[in-house]
Every structure is written in structure tokens, then in C-alpha cells.
Amino acid sequence: MKSPEQPEVGKLNTLKRILASARQAFSDSGLAGARIEDIAQEAGVTKQLIHHYYGTKEGLFVAVLDEASDSIMSELLGLEVEHLAPAQGLRRVLNHFFDQYALDPLMGSLALEGIRYHDAHHTPRNHFLEQAPRLVHKLDALLLRGSQSGVFRKGIDARLFLATAALVTTGWFTNRYSTSALTGLDTYSEEGLRVWRQHSADFVLASIAAPGQPGA
């Protein structure tokens, strides 16, 4: 006989179903077009329960964004690059930026919707931003090792590097129309993904290469 689910475990499973359903809905229809009724039905709960946990549709949307960004940051922080040569370690980070979007078909549209929402609303500081200094520190260590070994230029600001690297690598997914039109490549195609993954990492690494180094 199957043992009954513990209350806290049951609650966590319910929240996971709600967030998964909401993530799909917000990605497909945006914040304005998504309906709590549809999210509730897909998750197998009542809309009253969703309002109980998240308050409003906007509250649920912010929770979805927080979960996605927290997952992104946790994966980046967990990358083992300290044992790698500096350029190899940074390339692994850059490729991971790209792969997080490439492997999750919902990430690009969700990120765009999140950008629009944060531009128009004052939102509380989320866990992603709380963890950001740790990622900056991780990158700074790689950049410092690279400059000390003569591979990278000296004095690179890790915060600016992080912002630039994230924009260049993930722009393939958050600005699909322009990148497709300018490159002549389908951003959804295997070839397009392969080309931008390689080019974006090469481009960023070349921008910090020390004089005389390949790509400088």
C-alpha cells in the first residue's frame, strides 16, 4: 500500500506543478495573455490555491522568473573551472551561458517577458542578484590568473565582463529577429546554434586577449 505523501512534500510538489505550468503559459502567451484558470487546470489545482500561494498573476510571474534565474545562477556557480587553463575555463562559462538557453526552448521568450516586466515595475531584489557577487568573484579569479600568465589583458573589470559576455552569448535567443536578419542564419537551426555558440565565445575571448595572443 502506497504511503500517504507528507504535507510539506505534497505542498512542494504542488508548487512545482504550478510553476511548471505557469512557466509554459508565460512563455507561450506572455504575462498579459496567460490566464490563471488555464495554469490552474494544467497544474491540477484550483485558481484559488494559486492566489493563496502567489497573490496575483504578477506575483506568480515573478516567482517563475525567480526560479528560472536562481537555476541559471546555481548552475554557473557550480561549474568546475578552477582546474582549467584560464581561456579554457572562460570558454566553458561562455558556452554554458549559451547552452542554458539552447537547451531550454522556453528560456528566450521568458527572458524577454521578464525584461519588459522589470523595466516597467519596481521589483524586490531576487536571489539571482544576491548570488551575483559570487559569480563575479569566480570570473575575476579566472581573469586574474589569465592576466598573470600573459593570456589576458590586465585590469579587466569582472562585472563588465560578465554583463558583456551574457549579452553577447544569449542575444541569439533574446533578439532572434535581428540576429537572424543580420547573419542570414535561422536562430532555431542546428547550424545557427553551432555558429553563434562558437562565434560568441571566440568574440568575447578575443576582446580580452593580451597583445600578441591568438585573437588579440
C-alpha atoms as a PDB file:
ATOM      1  CA  MET A   1       0.000   0.000   0.000  1.00  0.00           C
ATOM      2  CA  LYS A   2       1.376   3.403  -1.023  1.00  0.00           C
ATOM      3  CA  SER A   3       2.191   5.549   2.000  1.00  0.00           C
ATOM      4  CA  PRO A   4       0.494   8.949   2.128  1.00  0.00           C
ATOM      5  CA  GLU A   5       2.516  11.907   0.970  1.00  0.00           C
ATOM      6  CA  GLN A   6       3.897  14.086   3.761  1.00  0.00           C
ATOM      7  CA  PRO A   7       2.196  17.515   3.932  1.00  0.00           C
ATOM      8  CA  GLU A   8       5.363  19.503   3.195  1.00  0.00           C
ATOM      9  CA  VAL A   9       6.356  17.182   0.355  1.00  0.00           C
ATOM     10  CA  GLY A  10       2.858  17.442  -1.065  1.00  0.00           C
ATOM     11  CA  LYS A  11       2.995  21.220  -0.913  1.00  0.00           C
ATOM     12  CA  LEU A  12       6.382  21.338  -2.644  1.00  0.00           C
ATOM     13  CA  ASN A  13       5.158  19.055  -5.414  1.00  0.00           C
ATOM     14  CA  THR A  14       2.077  21.234  -5.865  1.00  0.00           C
ATOM     15  CA  LEU A  15       4.193  24.380  -6.106  1.00  0.00           C
ATOM     16  CA  LYS A  16       6.466  22.686  -8.656  1.00  0.00           C
ATOM     17  CA  ARG A  17       3.457  21.788 -10.816  1.00  0.00           C
ATOM     18  CA  ILE A  18       2.088  25.313 -10.594  1.00  0.00           C
ATOM     19  CA  LEU A  19       5.420  26.903 -11.507  1.00  0.00           C
ATOM     20  CA  ALA A  20       5.978  24.479 -14.397  1.00  0.00           C
ATOM     21  CA  SER A  21       2.510  25.181 -15.783  1.00  0.00           C
ATOM     22  CA  ALA A  22       2.945  28.932 -15.304  1.00  0.00           C
ATOM     23  CA  ARG A  23       6.363  28.893 -16.950  1.00  0.00           C
ATOM     24  CA  GLN A  24       4.901  27.329 -20.073  1.00  0.00           C
ATOM     25  CA  ALA A  25       1.932  29.700 -20.117  1.00  0.00           C
ATOM     26  CA  PHE A  26       4.000  32.861 -19.648  1.00  0.00           C
ATOM     27  CA  SER A  27       6.470  31.725 -22.290  1.00  0.00           C
ATOM     28  CA  ASP A  28       3.694  30.964 -24.784  1.00  0.00           C
ATOM     29  CA  SER A  29       1.354  33.901 -24.115  1.00  0.00           C
ATOM     30  CA  GLY A  30       3.294  36.465 -22.127  1.00  0.00           C
ATOM     31  CA  LEU A  31       2.186  37.969 -18.860  1.00  0.00           C
ATOM     32  CA  ALA A  32      -0.814  39.726 -20.397  1.00  0.00           C
ATOM     33  CA  GLY A  33      -2.084  36.715 -22.327  1.00  0.00           C
ATOM     34  CA  ALA A  34      -1.583  33.963 -19.748  1.00  0.00           C
ATOM     35  CA  ARG A  35      -4.673  33.024 -17.737  1.00  0.00           C
ATOM     36  CA  ILE A  36      -4.643  31.799 -14.142  1.00  0.00           C
ATOM     37  CA  GLU A  37      -7.576  29.486 -14.952  1.00  0.00           C
ATOM     38  CA  ASP A  38      -5.546  27.711 -17.639  1.00  0.00           C
ATOM     39  CA  ILE A  39      -2.456  27.489 -15.431  1.00  0.00           C
ATOM     40  CA  ALA A  40      -4.515  26.019 -12.602  1.00  0.00           C
ATOM     41  CA  GLN A  41      -6.150  23.452 -14.869  1.00  0.00           C
ATOM     42  CA  GLU A  42      -2.826  22.333 -16.308  1.00  0.00           C
ATOM     43  CA  ALA A  43      -1.318  22.057 -12.820  1.00  0.00           C
ATOM     44  CA  GLY A  44      -4.340  20.164 -11.473  1.00  0.00           C
ATOM     45  CA  VAL A  45      -5.175  22.753  -8.816  1.00  0.00           C
ATOM     46  CA  THR A  46      -7.761  25.459  -8.273  1.00  0.00           C
ATOM     47  CA  LYS A  47      -7.132  29.066  -9.194  1.00  0.00           C
ATOM     48  CA  GLN A  48      -7.962  29.944  -5.584  1.00  0.00           C
ATOM     49  CA  LEU A  49      -4.967  27.878  -4.460  1.00  0.00           C
ATOM     50  CA  ILE A  50      -2.694  29.766  -6.865  1.00  0.00           C
ATOM     51  CA  HIS A  51      -3.956  33.079  -5.488  1.00  0.00           C
ATOM     52  CA  HIS A  52      -3.392  31.754  -1.971  1.00  0.00           C
ATOM     53  CA  TYR A  53       0.273  30.990  -2.658  1.00  0.00           C
ATOM     54  CA  TYR A  54       1.195  33.808  -5.054  1.00  0.00           C
ATOM     55  CA  GLY A  55      -1.435  36.515  -4.577  1.00  0.00           C
ATOM     56  CA  THR A  56      -1.748  37.801  -8.137  1.00  0.00           C
ATOM     57  CA  LYS A  57      -0.807  36.717 -11.630  1.00  0.00           C
ATOM     58  CA  GLU A  58       2.106  39.160 -11.412  1.00  0.00           C
ATOM     59  CA  GLY A  59       3.203  37.521  -8.166  1.00  0.00           C
ATOM     60  CA  LEU A  60       3.185  34.140  -9.880  1.00  0.00           C
ATOM     61  CA  PHE A  61       5.142  35.554 -12.814  1.00  0.00           C
ATOM     62  CA  VAL A  62       7.816  36.978 -10.510  1.00  0.00           C
ATOM     63  CA  ALA A  63       8.057  33.582  -8.793  1.00  0.00           C
ATOM     64  CA  VAL A  64       8.602  31.911 -12.179  1.00  0.00           C
ATOM     65  CA  LEU A  65      11.332  34.427 -13.053  1.00  0.00           C
ATOM     66  CA  ASP A  66      12.983  33.936  -9.672  1.00  0.00           C
ATOM     67  CA  GLU A  67      13.001  30.159 -10.058  1.00  0.00           C
ATOM     68  CA  ALA A  68      14.482  30.361 -13.573  1.00  0.00           C
ATOM     69  CA  SER A  69      17.160  32.899 -12.652  1.00  0.00           C
ATOM     70  CA  ASP A  70      18.072  31.006  -9.490  1.00  0.00           C
ATOM     71  CA  SER A  71      18.552  27.826 -11.523  1.00  0.00           C
ATOM     72  CA  ILE A  72      20.743  29.682 -14.038  1.00  0.00           C
ATOM     73  CA  MET A  73      22.933  31.185 -11.351  1.00  0.00           C
ATOM     74  CA  SER A  74      23.257  27.948  -9.388  1.00  0.00           C
ATOM     75  CA  GLU A  75      24.452  26.089 -12.478  1.00  0.00           C
ATOM     76  CA  LEU A  76      27.009  28.793 -13.298  1.00  0.00           C
ATOM     77  CA  LEU A  77      28.338  28.834  -9.745  1.00  0.00           C
ATOM     78  CA  GLY A  78      28.614  25.051  -9.817  1.00  0.00           C
ATOM     79  CA  LEU A  79      30.808  24.954 -12.915  1.00  0.00           C
ATOM     80  CA  GLU A  80      34.204  23.488 -12.087  1.00  0.00           C
ATOM     81  CA  VAL A  81      36.656  25.737 -13.906  1.00  0.00           C
ATOM     82  CA  GLU A  82      39.302  26.360 -11.274  1.00  0.00           C
ATOM     83  CA  HIS A  83      41.448  23.465 -12.524  1.00  0.00           C
ATOM     84  CA  LEU A  84      41.295  24.596 -16.158  1.00  0.00           C
ATOM     85  CA  ALA A  85      43.595  26.959 -18.017  1.00  0.00           C
ATOM     86  CA  PRO A  86      42.097  30.491 -17.861  1.00  0.00           C
ATOM     87  CA  ALA A  87      40.978  30.681 -21.511  1.00  0.00           C
ATOM     88  CA  GLN A  88      39.563  27.156 -21.366  1.00  0.00           C
ATOM     89  CA  GLY A  89      37.732  27.940 -18.135  1.00  0.00           C
ATOM     90  CA  LEU A  90      36.194  31.129 -19.518  1.00  0.00           C
ATOM     91  CA  ARG A  91      35.159  29.360 -22.707  1.00  0.00           C
ATOM     92  CA  ARG A  92      33.367  26.777 -20.588  1.00  0.00           C
ATOM     93  CA  VAL A  93      31.476  29.552 -18.788  1.00  0.00           C
ATOM     94  CA  LEU A  94      30.619  31.313 -22.056  1.00  0.00           C
ATOM     95  CA  ASN A  95      29.405  28.084 -23.642  1.00  0.00           C
ATOM     96  CA  HIS A  96      27.277  27.423 -20.574  1.00  0.00           C
ATOM     97  CA  PHE A  97      25.630  30.850 -20.885  1.00  0.00           C
ATOM     98  CA  PHE A  98      24.630  29.839 -24.402  1.00  0.00           C
ATOM     99  CA  ASP A  99      23.689  26.250 -23.601  1.00  0.00           C
ATOM    100  CA  GLN A 100      21.298  27.231 -20.809  1.00  0.00           C
ATOM    101  CA  TYR A 101      19.170  28.973 -23.435  1.00  0.00           C
ATOM    102  CA  ALA A 102      19.803  26.497 -26.257  1.00  0.00           C
ATOM    103  CA  LEU A 103      18.696  23.511 -24.172  1.00  0.00           C
ATOM    104  CA  ASP A 104      15.603  25.231 -22.763  1.00  0.00           C
ATOM    105  CA  PRO A 105      13.218  26.334 -25.546  1.00  0.00           C
ATOM    106  CA  LEU A 106      11.211  28.479 -23.119  1.00  0.00           C
ATOM    107  CA  MET A 107      14.127  30.495 -21.761  1.00  0.00           C
ATOM    108  CA  GLY A 108      14.410  33.085 -24.525  1.00  0.00           C
ATOM    109  CA  SER A 109      10.766  34.153 -24.583  1.00  0.00           C
ATOM    110  CA  LEU A 110      10.573  34.045 -20.789  1.00  0.00           C
ATOM    111  CA  ALA A 111      13.671  36.238 -20.519  1.00  0.00           C
ATOM    112  CA  LEU A 112      12.197  38.780 -22.946  1.00  0.00           C
ATOM    113  CA  GLU A 113       8.956  38.912 -20.992  1.00  0.00           C
ATOM    114  CA  GLY A 114      10.955  39.316 -17.795  1.00  0.00           C
ATOM    115  CA  ILE A 115      12.941  42.215 -19.250  1.00  0.00           C
ATOM    116  CA  ARG A 116       9.735  44.014 -20.209  1.00  0.00           C
ATOM    117  CA  TYR A 117       8.249  43.398 -16.780  1.00  0.00           C
ATOM    118  CA  HIS A 118      11.288  44.573 -14.805  1.00  0.00           C
ATOM    119  CA  ASP A 119      11.600  47.678 -16.994  1.00  0.00           C
ATOM    120  CA  ALA A 120       8.048  48.690 -16.093  1.00  0.00           C
ATOM    121  CA  HIS A 121       7.883  47.618 -12.435  1.00  0.00           C
ATOM    122  CA  HIS A 122       9.824  48.083  -9.231  1.00  0.00           C
ATOM    123  CA  THR A 123      10.504  44.522  -8.105  1.00  0.00           C
ATOM    124  CA  PRO A 124      12.244  43.232  -4.976  1.00  0.00           C
ATOM    125  CA  ARG A 125      15.840  42.087  -5.175  1.00  0.00           C
ATOM    126  CA  ASN A 126      15.804  38.393  -6.002  1.00  0.00           C
ATOM    127  CA  HIS A 127      18.126  35.510  -5.168  1.00  0.00           C
ATOM    128  CA  PHE A 128      19.832  35.798  -8.557  1.00  0.00           C
ATOM    129  CA  LEU A 129      21.179  39.239  -7.680  1.00  0.00           C
ATOM    130  CA  GLU A 130      22.120  38.119  -4.189  1.00  0.00           C
ATOM    131  CA  GLN A 131      24.336  35.408  -5.700  1.00  0.00           C
ATOM    132  CA  ALA A 132      25.795  37.589  -8.474  1.00  0.00           C
ATOM    133  CA  PRO A 133      28.857  38.709  -6.438  1.00  0.00           C
ATOM    134  CA  ARG A 134      29.900  35.064  -6.123  1.00  0.00           C
ATOM    135  CA  LEU A 135      29.836  34.667  -9.906  1.00  0.00           C
ATOM    136  CA  VAL A 136      31.754  37.915 -10.345  1.00  0.00           C
ATOM    137  CA  HIS A 137      34.363  36.593  -7.887  1.00  0.00           C
ATOM    138  CA  LYS A 138      34.577  33.315  -9.826  1.00  0.00           C
ATOM    139  CA  LEU A 139      35.168  35.158 -13.094  1.00  0.00           C
ATOM    140  CA  ASP A 140      37.572  37.618 -11.501  1.00  0.00           C
ATOM    141  CA  ALA A 141      39.759  34.721 -10.355  1.00  0.00           C
ATOM    142  CA  LEU A 142      39.909  33.360 -13.910  1.00  0.00           C
ATOM    143  CA  LEU A 143      40.643  36.792 -15.374  1.00  0.00           C
ATOM    144  CA  LEU A 144      43.381  37.400 -12.819  1.00  0.00           C
ATOM    145  CA  ARG A 145      45.024  34.035 -13.496  1.00  0.00           C
ATOM    146  CA  GLY A 146      44.852  34.777 -17.204  1.00  0.00           C
ATOM    147  CA  SER A 147      46.428  38.216 -16.863  1.00  0.00           C
ATOM    148  CA  GLN A 148      49.179  36.895 -14.607  1.00  0.00           C
ATOM    149  CA  SER A 149      50.043  34.230 -17.175  1.00  0.00           C
ATOM    150  CA  GLY A 150      50.026  36.772 -20.011  1.00  0.00           C
ATOM    151  CA  VAL A 151      46.986  35.329 -21.781  1.00  0.00           C
ATOM    152  CA  PHE A 152      44.525  38.134 -20.921  1.00  0.00           C
ATOM    153  CA  ARG A 153      44.922  41.890 -20.692  1.00  0.00           C
ATOM    154  CA  LYS A 154      45.426  43.290 -17.216  1.00  0.00           C
ATOM    155  CA  GLY A 155      42.804  45.251 -15.314  1.00  0.00           C
ATOM    156  CA  ILE A 156      39.646  43.671 -16.792  1.00  0.00           C
ATOM    157  CA  ASP A 157      36.568  44.540 -14.733  1.00  0.00           C
ATOM    158  CA  ALA A 158      34.859  41.214 -13.958  1.00  0.00           C
ATOM    159  CA  ARG A 159      31.444  42.862 -13.568  1.00  0.00           C
ATOM    160  CA  LEU A 160      31.619  44.480 -17.004  1.00  0.00           C
ATOM    161  CA  PHE A 161      32.978  41.271 -18.454  1.00  0.00           C
ATOM    162  CA  LEU A 162      30.052  39.302 -17.019  1.00  0.00           C
ATOM    163  CA  ALA A 163      27.474  41.743 -18.370  1.00  0.00           C
ATOM    164  CA  THR A 164      29.063  41.821 -21.831  1.00  0.00           C
ATOM    165  CA  ALA A 165      29.556  38.065 -22.028  1.00  0.00           C
ATOM    166  CA  ALA A 166      25.954  37.373 -21.040  1.00  0.00           C
ATOM    167  CA  LEU A 167      24.599  39.859 -23.605  1.00  0.00           C
ATOM    168  CA  VAL A 168      26.732  38.535 -26.459  1.00  0.00           C
ATOM    169  CA  THR A 169      26.115  34.841 -25.863  1.00  0.00           C
ATOM    170  CA  THR A 170      22.390  34.981 -25.063  1.00  0.00           C
ATOM    171  CA  GLY A 171      21.491  37.704 -27.569  1.00  0.00           C
ATOM    172  CA  TRP A 172      20.987  34.919 -30.125  1.00  0.00           C
ATOM    173  CA  PHE A 173      17.866  33.935 -28.176  1.00  0.00           C
ATOM    174  CA  THR A 174      16.548  37.279 -26.900  1.00  0.00           C
ATOM    175  CA  ASN A 175      16.908  39.147 -30.194  1.00  0.00           C
ATOM    176  CA  ARG A 176      16.133  36.443 -32.699  1.00  0.00           C
ATOM    177  CA  TYR A 177      14.689  38.615 -35.476  1.00  0.00           C
ATOM    178  CA  SER A 178      17.657  40.981 -35.749  1.00  0.00           C
ATOM    179  CA  THR A 179      20.338  38.329 -35.391  1.00  0.00           C
ATOM    180  CA  SER A 180      18.642  36.124 -37.960  1.00  0.00           C
ATOM    181  CA  ALA A 181      18.220  39.008 -40.405  1.00  0.00           C
ATOM    182  CA  LEU A 182      21.795  40.246 -39.998  1.00  0.00           C
ATOM    183  CA  THR A 183      23.545  36.869 -40.113  1.00  0.00           C
ATOM    184  CA  GLY A 184      21.279  35.112 -42.602  1.00  0.00           C
ATOM    185  CA  LEU A 185      21.099  32.181 -40.200  1.00  0.00           C
ATOM    186  CA  ASP A 186      17.978  30.680 -38.665  1.00  0.00           C
ATOM    187  CA  THR A 187      18.374  31.145 -34.918  1.00  0.00           C
ATOM    188  CA  TYR A 188      16.469  27.903 -34.329  1.00  0.00           C
ATOM    189  CA  SER A 189      18.529  25.813 -36.748  1.00  0.00           C
ATOM    190  CA  GLU A 190      21.314  23.448 -35.769  1.00  0.00           C
ATOM    191  CA  GLU A 191      23.732  25.391 -37.969  1.00  0.00           C
ATOM    192  CA  GLY A 192      22.721  28.740 -36.499  1.00  0.00           C
ATOM    193  CA  LEU A 193      23.127  27.482 -32.957  1.00  0.00           C
ATOM    194  CA  ARG A 194      26.511  25.954 -33.714  1.00  0.00           C
ATOM    195  CA  VAL A 195      27.847  29.065 -35.455  1.00  0.00           C
ATOM    196  CA  TRP A 196      26.765  31.524 -32.748  1.00  0.00           C
ATOM    197  CA  ARG A 197      27.940  29.317 -29.900  1.00  0.00           C
ATOM    198  CA  GLN A 198      31.422  29.248 -31.406  1.00  0.00           C
ATOM    199  CA  HIS A 199      31.483  32.859 -32.607  1.00  0.00           C
ATOM    200  CA  SER A 200      30.192  34.426 -29.395  1.00  0.00           C
ATOM    201  CA  ALA A 201      32.791  32.674 -27.241  1.00  0.00           C
ATOM    202  CA  ASP A 202      35.589  33.478 -29.730  1.00  0.00           C
ATOM    203  CA  PHE A 203      34.484  37.120 -29.874  1.00  0.00           C
ATOM    204  CA  VAL A 204      34.411  37.623 -26.116  1.00  0.00           C
ATOM    205  CA  LEU A 205      37.742  35.882 -25.554  1.00  0.00           C
ATOM    206  CA  ALA A 206      39.389  37.893 -28.345  1.00  0.00           C
ATOM    207  CA  SER A 207      38.227  41.110 -26.676  1.00  0.00           C
ATOM    208  CA  ILE A 208      40.282  40.380 -23.548  1.00  0.00           C
ATOM    209  CA  ALA A 209      43.316  38.697 -25.146  1.00  0.00           C
ATOM    210  CA  ALA A 210      46.687  40.189 -24.276  1.00  0.00           C
ATOM    211  CA  PRO A 211      48.675  41.726 -27.168  1.00  0.00           C
ATOM    212  CA  GLY A 212      50.383  39.039 -29.183  1.00  0.00           C
ATOM    213  CA  GLN A 213      47.988  36.330 -28.049  1.00  0.00           C
ATOM    214  CA  PRO A 214      45.766  34.478 -30.585  1.00  0.00           C
ATOM    215  CA  GLY A 215      42.630  36.528 -31.248  1.00  0.00           C
ATOM    216  CA  ALA A 216      44.124  39.782 -29.975  1.00  0.00           C
END
